[in-house]
C-alpha cells in the first residue's frame, strides 16, 4: 500500500516543474546522469548535471527537478515499495493539495510520468539519496557553535575596586537531538582552543586523504559530509 503523502506548496511547485519539462528532456537528463564518470555523489553534482541539460541559466529549475527525485527515492527505500506505488501516492497527494492541478496539467503529468519514473530509479539518484541519509544519520546533529569570550573582574575584599581580571572562553554548542533543539556550554582555556583548532585542521586533512584514497585506489565515488560537491580529488 502506498504511503499517504501531504504535499506542501513548494513541493507541488517542484512537481509542476517536472510536469512542464518535456519527456525527452527528462530522458536526456537520465542519459547524462548514467553516463557520468565518476557517478555523482552529492546533490550539487546532480543539480549541475540537470542544469547542463536544461540550460546554464536554469539553476533554480534544476533544483526543483532534483528535490523530488531525492525525496521520493528516500521514500522508496524507507517504505520498501515499488516506484509505481510511490507515483500513485504522488497522484493522490496532488489531487488532495490545496491548489490541485486542472485536467490539462494532470494530462501533462501523465505524459512525463514514465520518464520521470526511469529517472527516479537511476542508480545515481539512489546512490545520492543513500549518501544523504548516511551523512546525517546521527543521534545528535550540530546546528551552530560559538566561542564566547568573557572578561571576569577580580574585586578587592571590600568590592569597591577591581584589582585584576581574567579572560575566559565558553564553547556554546547548539544541536538537534532526540528531544529537539538542545544546547551545551563547555569552558575552554587558551590551550583547549589551540588544541581544538589543531584537531579541526587535522580532521579536514583526514577527510581529503580518505576521499582521495577511496577514489584513486578503490575507484569508489566518495563525498565528504558538508562538502559542496565542487571538488573531487
C-alpha atoms as a PDB file:
ATOM      1  CA  UNK A   1       0.000   0.000   0.000  1.00  0.00           C
ATOM      2  CA  UNK A   2       1.496   3.389  -0.957  1.00  0.00           C
ATOM      3  CA  UNK A   3       2.258   5.832   1.851  1.00  0.00           C
ATOM      4  CA  UNK A   4      -0.003   8.805   2.384  1.00  0.00           C
ATOM      5  CA  UNK A   5       1.711  11.992   1.299  1.00  0.00           C
ATOM      6  CA  UNK A   6       0.815  15.540   2.220  1.00  0.00           C
ATOM      7  CA  UNK A   7       2.431  17.956  -0.191  1.00  0.00           C
ATOM      8  CA  UNK A   8       3.489  21.453   0.757  1.00  0.00           C
ATOM      9  CA  UNK A   9       3.055  24.286  -1.746  1.00  0.00           C
ATOM     10  CA  UNK A  10       6.779  24.247  -2.501  1.00  0.00           C
ATOM     11  CA  UNK A  11       6.650  20.504  -3.226  1.00  0.00           C
ATOM     12  CA  UNK A  12       3.725  20.962  -5.601  1.00  0.00           C
ATOM     13  CA  UNK A  13       5.746  23.682  -7.361  1.00  0.00           C
ATOM     14  CA  UNK A  14       8.699  21.296  -7.697  1.00  0.00           C
ATOM     15  CA  UNK A  15       6.481  18.613  -9.221  1.00  0.00           C
ATOM     16  CA  UNK A  16       4.977  21.208 -11.567  1.00  0.00           C
ATOM     17  CA  UNK A  17       8.499  21.917 -12.856  1.00  0.00           C
ATOM     18  CA  UNK A  18       8.870  18.237 -13.706  1.00  0.00           C
ATOM     19  CA  UNK A  19       5.366  18.175 -15.226  1.00  0.00           C
ATOM     20  CA  UNK A  20       6.271  21.039 -17.554  1.00  0.00           C
ATOM     21  CA  UNK A  21       9.638  19.558 -18.568  1.00  0.00           C
ATOM     22  CA  UNK A  22       9.351  17.618 -21.847  1.00  0.00           C
ATOM     23  CA  UNK A  23       9.734  13.866 -21.531  1.00  0.00           C
ATOM     24  CA  UNK A  24      12.638  13.923 -23.990  1.00  0.00           C
ATOM     25  CA  UNK A  25      14.442  16.419 -21.762  1.00  0.00           C
ATOM     26  CA  UNK A  26      13.975  14.155 -18.741  1.00  0.00           C
ATOM     27  CA  UNK A  27      15.334  11.306 -20.853  1.00  0.00           C
ATOM     28  CA  UNK A  28      18.375  13.412 -21.764  1.00  0.00           C
ATOM     29  CA  UNK A  29      18.958  14.149 -18.061  1.00  0.00           C
ATOM     30  CA  UNK A  30      18.784  10.435 -17.255  1.00  0.00           C
ATOM     31  CA  UNK A  31      21.211   9.546 -20.028  1.00  0.00           C
ATOM     32  CA  UNK A  32      23.697  12.180 -18.908  1.00  0.00           C
ATOM     33  CA  UNK A  33      23.483  11.048 -15.269  1.00  0.00           C
ATOM     34  CA  UNK A  34      24.044   7.417 -16.228  1.00  0.00           C
ATOM     35  CA  UNK A  35      26.997   8.362 -18.437  1.00  0.00           C
ATOM     36  CA  UNK A  36      28.734  10.433 -15.734  1.00  0.00           C
ATOM     37  CA  UNK A  37      32.074   9.026 -14.600  1.00  0.00           C
ATOM     38  CA  UNK A  38      32.509   9.011 -11.696  1.00  0.00           C
ATOM     39  CA  UNK A  39      28.880   8.853 -10.708  1.00  0.00           C
ATOM     40  CA  UNK A  40      27.542  11.908  -8.844  1.00  0.00           C
ATOM     41  CA  UNK A  41      27.620  11.509  -5.065  1.00  0.00           C
ATOM     42  CA  UNK A  42      26.473  14.949  -3.951  1.00  0.00           C
ATOM     43  CA  UNK A  43      23.175  16.790  -4.629  1.00  0.00           C
ATOM     44  CA  UNK A  44      25.131  19.720  -6.079  1.00  0.00           C
ATOM     45  CA  UNK A  45      26.767  17.385  -8.580  1.00  0.00           C
ATOM     46  CA  UNK A  46      23.371  16.010  -9.575  1.00  0.00           C
ATOM     47  CA  UNK A  47      21.990  19.518  -9.921  1.00  0.00           C
ATOM     48  CA  UNK A  48      24.860  20.510 -12.193  1.00  0.00           C
ATOM     49  CA  UNK A  49      24.124  17.566 -14.484  1.00  0.00           C
ATOM     50  CA  UNK A  50      20.456  18.548 -14.657  1.00  0.00           C
ATOM     51  CA  UNK A  51      21.250  22.212 -15.315  1.00  0.00           C
ATOM     52  CA  UNK A  52      23.692  21.236 -18.055  1.00  0.00           C
ATOM     53  CA  UNK A  53      20.748  19.681 -19.927  1.00  0.00           C
ATOM     54  CA  UNK A  54      18.167  22.346 -19.068  1.00  0.00           C
ATOM     55  CA  UNK A  55      20.487  25.290 -19.789  1.00  0.00           C
ATOM     56  CA  UNK A  56      23.092  27.196 -17.796  1.00  0.00           C
ATOM     57  CA  UNK A  57      20.561  29.864 -16.752  1.00  0.00           C
ATOM     58  CA  UNK A  58      18.199  27.233 -15.316  1.00  0.00           C
ATOM     59  CA  UNK A  59      19.791  26.746 -11.895  1.00  0.00           C
ATOM     60  CA  UNK A  60      16.563  27.125  -9.920  1.00  0.00           C
ATOM     61  CA  UNK A  61      14.674  24.913 -12.360  1.00  0.00           C
ATOM     62  CA  UNK A  62      17.376  22.276 -11.947  1.00  0.00           C
ATOM     63  CA  UNK A  63      16.991  22.465  -8.178  1.00  0.00           C
ATOM     64  CA  UNK A  64      13.225  21.981  -8.477  1.00  0.00           C
ATOM     65  CA  UNK A  65      13.705  18.906 -10.646  1.00  0.00           C
ATOM     66  CA  UNK A  66      16.291  17.447  -8.279  1.00  0.00           C
ATOM     67  CA  UNK A  67      14.424  17.819  -4.987  1.00  0.00           C
ATOM     68  CA  UNK A  68      11.519  15.422  -5.744  1.00  0.00           C
ATOM     69  CA  UNK A  69      13.937  12.848  -7.117  1.00  0.00           C
ATOM     70  CA  UNK A  70      15.881  12.622  -3.856  1.00  0.00           C
ATOM     71  CA  UNK A  71      12.825  12.903  -1.613  1.00  0.00           C
ATOM     72  CA  UNK A  72      10.833  10.211  -3.426  1.00  0.00           C
ATOM     73  CA  UNK A  73      13.858   7.916  -3.740  1.00  0.00           C
ATOM     74  CA  UNK A  74      14.232   8.114   0.050  1.00  0.00           C
ATOM     75  CA  UNK A  75      10.575   7.109   0.465  1.00  0.00           C
ATOM     76  CA  UNK A  76      11.054   4.177  -1.907  1.00  0.00           C
ATOM     77  CA  UNK A  77      13.791   2.805   0.318  1.00  0.00           C
ATOM     78  CA  UNK A  78      12.187   3.650   3.655  1.00  0.00           C
ATOM     79  CA  UNK A  79       8.864   2.005   2.794  1.00  0.00           C
ATOM     80  CA  UNK A  80      10.369  -0.721   0.587  1.00  0.00           C
ATOM     81  CA  UNK A  81       7.788  -0.176  -2.107  1.00  0.00           C
ATOM     82  CA  UNK A  82       7.810  -0.148  -5.884  1.00  0.00           C
ATOM     83  CA  UNK A  83       8.159   3.028  -7.969  1.00  0.00           C
ATOM     84  CA  UNK A  84       4.592   2.667  -9.276  1.00  0.00           C
ATOM     85  CA  UNK A  85       3.321   2.773  -5.704  1.00  0.00           C
ATOM     86  CA  UNK A  86       5.143   5.974  -4.826  1.00  0.00           C
ATOM     87  CA  UNK A  87       3.944   7.591  -8.049  1.00  0.00           C
ATOM     88  CA  UNK A  88       0.390   6.577  -7.191  1.00  0.00           C
ATOM     89  CA  UNK A  89       0.857   8.236  -3.792  1.00  0.00           C
ATOM     90  CA  UNK A  90       2.074  11.384  -5.558  1.00  0.00           C
ATOM     91  CA  UNK A  91      -1.012  11.477  -7.811  1.00  0.00           C
ATOM     92  CA  UNK A  92      -3.332  11.077  -4.821  1.00  0.00           C
ATOM     93  CA  UNK A  93      -1.489  13.812  -2.923  1.00  0.00           C
ATOM     94  CA  UNK A  94      -1.657  16.154  -5.919  1.00  0.00           C
ATOM     95  CA  UNK A  95      -5.421  15.723  -6.116  1.00  0.00           C
ATOM     96  CA  UNK A  96      -5.650  16.473  -2.385  1.00  0.00           C
ATOM     97  CA  UNK A  97      -3.347  19.512  -2.476  1.00  0.00           C
ATOM     98  CA  UNK A  98      -4.690  22.970  -1.604  1.00  0.00           C
ATOM     99  CA  UNK A  99      -4.324  24.094  -5.207  1.00  0.00           C
ATOM    100  CA  UNK A 100      -4.893  20.898  -7.215  1.00  0.00           C
ATOM    101  CA  UNK A 101      -3.946  20.803 -10.859  1.00  0.00           C
ATOM    102  CA  UNK A 102      -6.550  21.011 -13.576  1.00  0.00           C
ATOM    103  CA  UNK A 103      -7.243  18.219 -16.059  1.00  0.00           C
ATOM    104  CA  UNK A 104      -4.781  19.564 -18.626  1.00  0.00           C
ATOM    105  CA  UNK A 105      -1.993  19.701 -16.044  1.00  0.00           C
ATOM    106  CA  UNK A 106      -2.664  16.133 -14.924  1.00  0.00           C
ATOM    107  CA  UNK A 107      -2.574  15.047 -18.566  1.00  0.00           C
ATOM    108  CA  UNK A 108       0.870  16.636 -18.917  1.00  0.00           C
ATOM    109  CA  UNK A 109       1.996  14.822 -15.780  1.00  0.00           C
ATOM    110  CA  UNK A 110       0.767  11.511 -17.201  1.00  0.00           C
ATOM    111  CA  UNK A 111       2.847  12.183 -20.311  1.00  0.00           C
ATOM    112  CA  UNK A 112       6.125  12.704 -18.428  1.00  0.00           C
ATOM    113  CA  UNK A 113       5.499  10.283 -15.541  1.00  0.00           C
ATOM    114  CA  UNK A 114       7.001   7.183 -17.279  1.00  0.00           C
ATOM    115  CA  UNK A 115      10.252   9.024 -17.989  1.00  0.00           C
ATOM    116  CA  UNK A 116      10.268  10.548 -14.505  1.00  0.00           C
ATOM    117  CA  UNK A 117       9.938   7.019 -13.118  1.00  0.00           C
ATOM    118  CA  UNK A 118      13.020   5.962 -15.097  1.00  0.00           C
ATOM    119  CA  UNK A 119      14.920   8.997 -13.807  1.00  0.00           C
ATOM    120  CA  UNK A 120      13.814   8.319 -10.226  1.00  0.00           C
ATOM    121  CA  UNK A 121      15.185   4.779 -10.307  1.00  0.00           C
ATOM    122  CA  UNK A 122      18.607   5.502 -11.821  1.00  0.00           C
ATOM    123  CA  UNK A 123      21.481   4.122  -9.724  1.00  0.00           C
ATOM    124  CA  UNK A 124      22.981   7.601  -9.283  1.00  0.00           C
ATOM    125  CA  UNK A 125      19.807   9.049  -7.738  1.00  0.00           C
ATOM    126  CA  UNK A 126      19.627   6.065  -5.382  1.00  0.00           C
ATOM    127  CA  UNK A 127      23.327   6.469  -4.506  1.00  0.00           C
ATOM    128  CA  UNK A 128      22.993  10.171  -3.664  1.00  0.00           C
ATOM    129  CA  UNK A 129      19.844   9.565  -1.621  1.00  0.00           C
ATOM    130  CA  UNK A 130      21.581   6.882   0.445  1.00  0.00           C
ATOM    131  CA  UNK A 131      24.660   9.080   0.868  1.00  0.00           C
ATOM    132  CA  UNK A 132      22.474  11.892   2.210  1.00  0.00           C
ATOM    133  CA  UNK A 133      20.935   9.528   4.746  1.00  0.00           C
ATOM    134  CA  UNK A 134      24.344   8.348   5.906  1.00  0.00           C
ATOM    135  CA  UNK A 135      25.668  11.906   6.189  1.00  0.00           C
ATOM    136  CA  UNK A 136      23.056  12.896   8.736  1.00  0.00           C
ATOM    137  CA  UNK A 137      22.128   9.585  10.371  1.00  0.00           C
ATOM    138  CA  UNK A 138      23.487  10.506  13.796  1.00  0.00           C
ATOM    139  CA  UNK A 139      21.929  10.801  17.221  1.00  0.00           C
ATOM    140  CA  UNK A 140      22.917  14.474  17.517  1.00  0.00           C
ATOM    141  CA  UNK A 141      23.454  16.972  14.694  1.00  0.00           C
ATOM    142  CA  UNK A 142      25.330  20.209  15.242  1.00  0.00           C
ATOM    143  CA  UNK A 143      23.271  23.279  14.337  1.00  0.00           C
ATOM    144  CA  UNK A 144      25.625  26.012  15.491  1.00  0.00           C
ATOM    145  CA  UNK A 145      28.730  26.764  17.536  1.00  0.00           C
ATOM    146  CA  UNK A 146      30.139  29.906  19.156  1.00  0.00           C
ATOM    147  CA  UNK A 147      33.084  30.700  21.369  1.00  0.00           C
ATOM    148  CA  UNK A 148      32.038  33.393  23.841  1.00  0.00           C
ATOM    149  CA  UNK A 149      34.899  35.322  25.453  1.00  0.00           C
ATOM    150  CA  UNK A 150      34.343  36.897  28.878  1.00  0.00           C
ATOM    151  CA  UNK A 151      36.361  39.290  30.990  1.00  0.00           C
ATOM    152  CA  UNK A 152      35.770  38.475  34.655  1.00  0.00           C
ATOM    153  CA  UNK A 153      36.821  41.113  37.184  1.00  0.00           C
ATOM    154  CA  UNK A 154      38.728  40.334  40.370  1.00  0.00           C
ATOM    155  CA  UNK A 155      37.373  42.579  43.116  1.00  0.00           C
ATOM    156  CA  UNK A 156      39.030  43.816  46.278  1.00  0.00           C
ATOM    157  CA  UNK A 157      37.850  42.446  49.617  1.00  0.00           C
ATOM    158  CA  UNK A 158      35.502  45.364  50.095  1.00  0.00           C
ATOM    159  CA  UNK A 159      34.282  45.045  46.467  1.00  0.00           C
ATOM    160  CA  UNK A 160      34.952  48.736  45.845  1.00  0.00           C
ATOM    161  CA  UNK A 161      37.829  48.239  43.403  1.00  0.00           C
ATOM    162  CA  UNK A 162      38.730  45.956  40.518  1.00  0.00           C
ATOM    163  CA  UNK A 163      42.218  44.676  41.182  1.00  0.00           C
ATOM    164  CA  UNK A 164      42.540  42.445  38.159  1.00  0.00           C
ATOM    165  CA  UNK A 165      40.657  40.472  35.553  1.00  0.00           C
ATOM    166  CA  UNK A 166      40.563  37.030  33.978  1.00  0.00           C
ATOM    167  CA  UNK A 167      39.777  36.337  30.325  1.00  0.00           C
ATOM    168  CA  UNK A 168      37.890  33.084  29.826  1.00  0.00           C
ATOM    169  CA  UNK A 169      36.143  31.302  26.986  1.00  0.00           C
ATOM    170  CA  UNK A 170      32.976  29.239  26.687  1.00  0.00           C
ATOM    171  CA  UNK A 171      32.212  26.952  23.770  1.00  0.00           C
ATOM    172  CA  UNK A 172      28.467  27.012  23.176  1.00  0.00           C
ATOM    173  CA  UNK A 173      27.047  24.240  21.016  1.00  0.00           C
ATOM    174  CA  UNK A 174      23.526  24.128  19.652  1.00  0.00           C
ATOM    175  CA  UNK A 175      22.446  20.774  18.295  1.00  0.00           C
ATOM    176  CA  UNK A 176      19.408  18.791  17.243  1.00  0.00           C
ATOM    177  CA  UNK A 177      18.903  15.697  19.376  1.00  0.00           C
ATOM    178  CA  UNK A 178      16.155  13.254  20.201  1.00  0.00           C
ATOM    179  CA  UNK A 179      14.461  15.849  22.362  1.00  0.00           C
ATOM    180  CA  UNK A 180      14.610  18.561  19.696  1.00  0.00           C
ATOM    181  CA  UNK A 181      16.856  21.604  19.938  1.00  0.00           C
ATOM    182  CA  UNK A 182      19.500  21.204  22.631  1.00  0.00           C
ATOM    183  CA  UNK A 183      22.435  23.285  23.852  1.00  0.00           C
ATOM    184  CA  UNK A 184      25.655  22.645  25.726  1.00  0.00           C
ATOM    185  CA  UNK A 185      28.231  25.045  27.176  1.00  0.00           C
ATOM    186  CA  UNK A 186      31.833  23.995  27.849  1.00  0.00           C
ATOM    187  CA  UNK A 187      34.523  26.133  29.492  1.00  0.00           C
ATOM    188  CA  UNK A 188      37.765  26.411  27.499  1.00  0.00           C
ATOM    189  CA  UNK A 189      41.171  27.826  28.225  1.00  0.00           C
ATOM    190  CA  UNK A 190      43.655  29.014  25.600  1.00  0.00           C
ATOM    191  CA  UNK A 191      45.325  25.611  25.392  1.00  0.00           C
ATOM    192  CA  UNK A 192      41.935  23.999  24.756  1.00  0.00           C
ATOM    193  CA  UNK A 193      41.222  26.400  21.901  1.00  0.00           C
ATOM    194  CA  UNK A 194      44.596  25.753  20.286  1.00  0.00           C
ATOM    195  CA  UNK A 195      44.051  22.005  20.571  1.00  0.00           C
ATOM    196  CA  UNK A 196      40.556  22.334  19.120  1.00  0.00           C
ATOM    197  CA  UNK A 197      41.983  24.292  16.199  1.00  0.00           C
ATOM    198  CA  UNK A 198      44.649  21.625  15.649  1.00  0.00           C
ATOM    199  CA  UNK A 199      42.119  18.803  15.708  1.00  0.00           C
ATOM    200  CA  UNK A 200      39.803  20.614  13.273  1.00  0.00           C
ATOM    201  CA  UNK A 201      42.626  21.157  10.786  1.00  0.00           C
ATOM    202  CA  UNK A 202      43.642  17.512  11.173  1.00  0.00           C
ATOM    203  CA  UNK A 203      40.048  16.356  10.582  1.00  0.00           C
ATOM    204  CA  UNK A 204      39.838  18.348   7.334  1.00  0.00           C
ATOM    205  CA  UNK A 205      43.097  16.820   6.142  1.00  0.00           C
ATOM    206  CA  UNK A 206      41.969  13.293   7.079  1.00  0.00           C
ATOM    207  CA  UNK A 207      38.744  13.776   5.131  1.00  0.00           C
ATOM    208  CA  UNK A 208      40.615  14.845   1.990  1.00  0.00           C
ATOM    209  CA  UNK A 209      43.083  11.976   2.380  1.00  0.00           C
ATOM    210  CA  UNK A 210      40.316   9.424   2.804  1.00  0.00           C
ATOM    211  CA  UNK A 211      38.385  10.710  -0.202  1.00  0.00           C
ATOM    212  CA  UNK A 212      41.481  10.718  -2.409  1.00  0.00           C
ATOM    213  CA  UNK A 213      42.355   7.159  -1.384  1.00  0.00           C
ATOM    214  CA  UNK A 214      38.835   5.815  -1.950  1.00  0.00           C
ATOM    215  CA  UNK A 215      38.576   7.446  -5.367  1.00  0.00           C
ATOM    216  CA  UNK A 216      42.088   6.746  -6.671  1.00  0.00           C
ATOM    217  CA  UNK A 217      42.748   3.304  -5.195  1.00  0.00           C
ATOM    218  CA  UNK A 218      39.299   1.747  -4.769  1.00  0.00           C
ATOM    219  CA  UNK A 219      37.690   3.654  -7.684  1.00  0.00           C
ATOM    220  CA  UNK A 220      34.719   4.422  -5.436  1.00  0.00           C
ATOM    221  CA  UNK A 221      32.982   7.812  -5.761  1.00  0.00           C
ATOM    222  CA  UNK A 222      33.234   9.494  -2.364  1.00  0.00           C
ATOM    223  CA  UNK A 223      31.738  12.623  -0.842  1.00  0.00           C
ATOM    224  CA  UNK A 224      32.668  14.449   2.356  1.00  0.00           C
ATOM    225  CA  UNK A 225      29.753  15.307   4.615  1.00  0.00           C
ATOM    226  CA  UNK A 226      29.042  19.013   4.354  1.00  0.00           C
ATOM    227  CA  UNK A 227      31.221  19.488   1.277  1.00  0.00           C
ATOM    228  CA  UNK A 228      29.530  21.401  -1.550  1.00  0.00           C
ATOM    229  CA  UNK A 229      30.455  18.790  -4.131  1.00  0.00           C
ATOM    230  CA  UNK A 230      32.609  21.223  -6.107  1.00  0.00           C
ATOM    231  CA  UNK A 231      35.928  19.420  -5.732  1.00  0.00           C
ATOM    232  CA  UNK A 232      36.613  15.768  -6.245  1.00  0.00           C
ATOM    233  CA  UNK A 233      40.188  14.571  -5.810  1.00  0.00           C
END
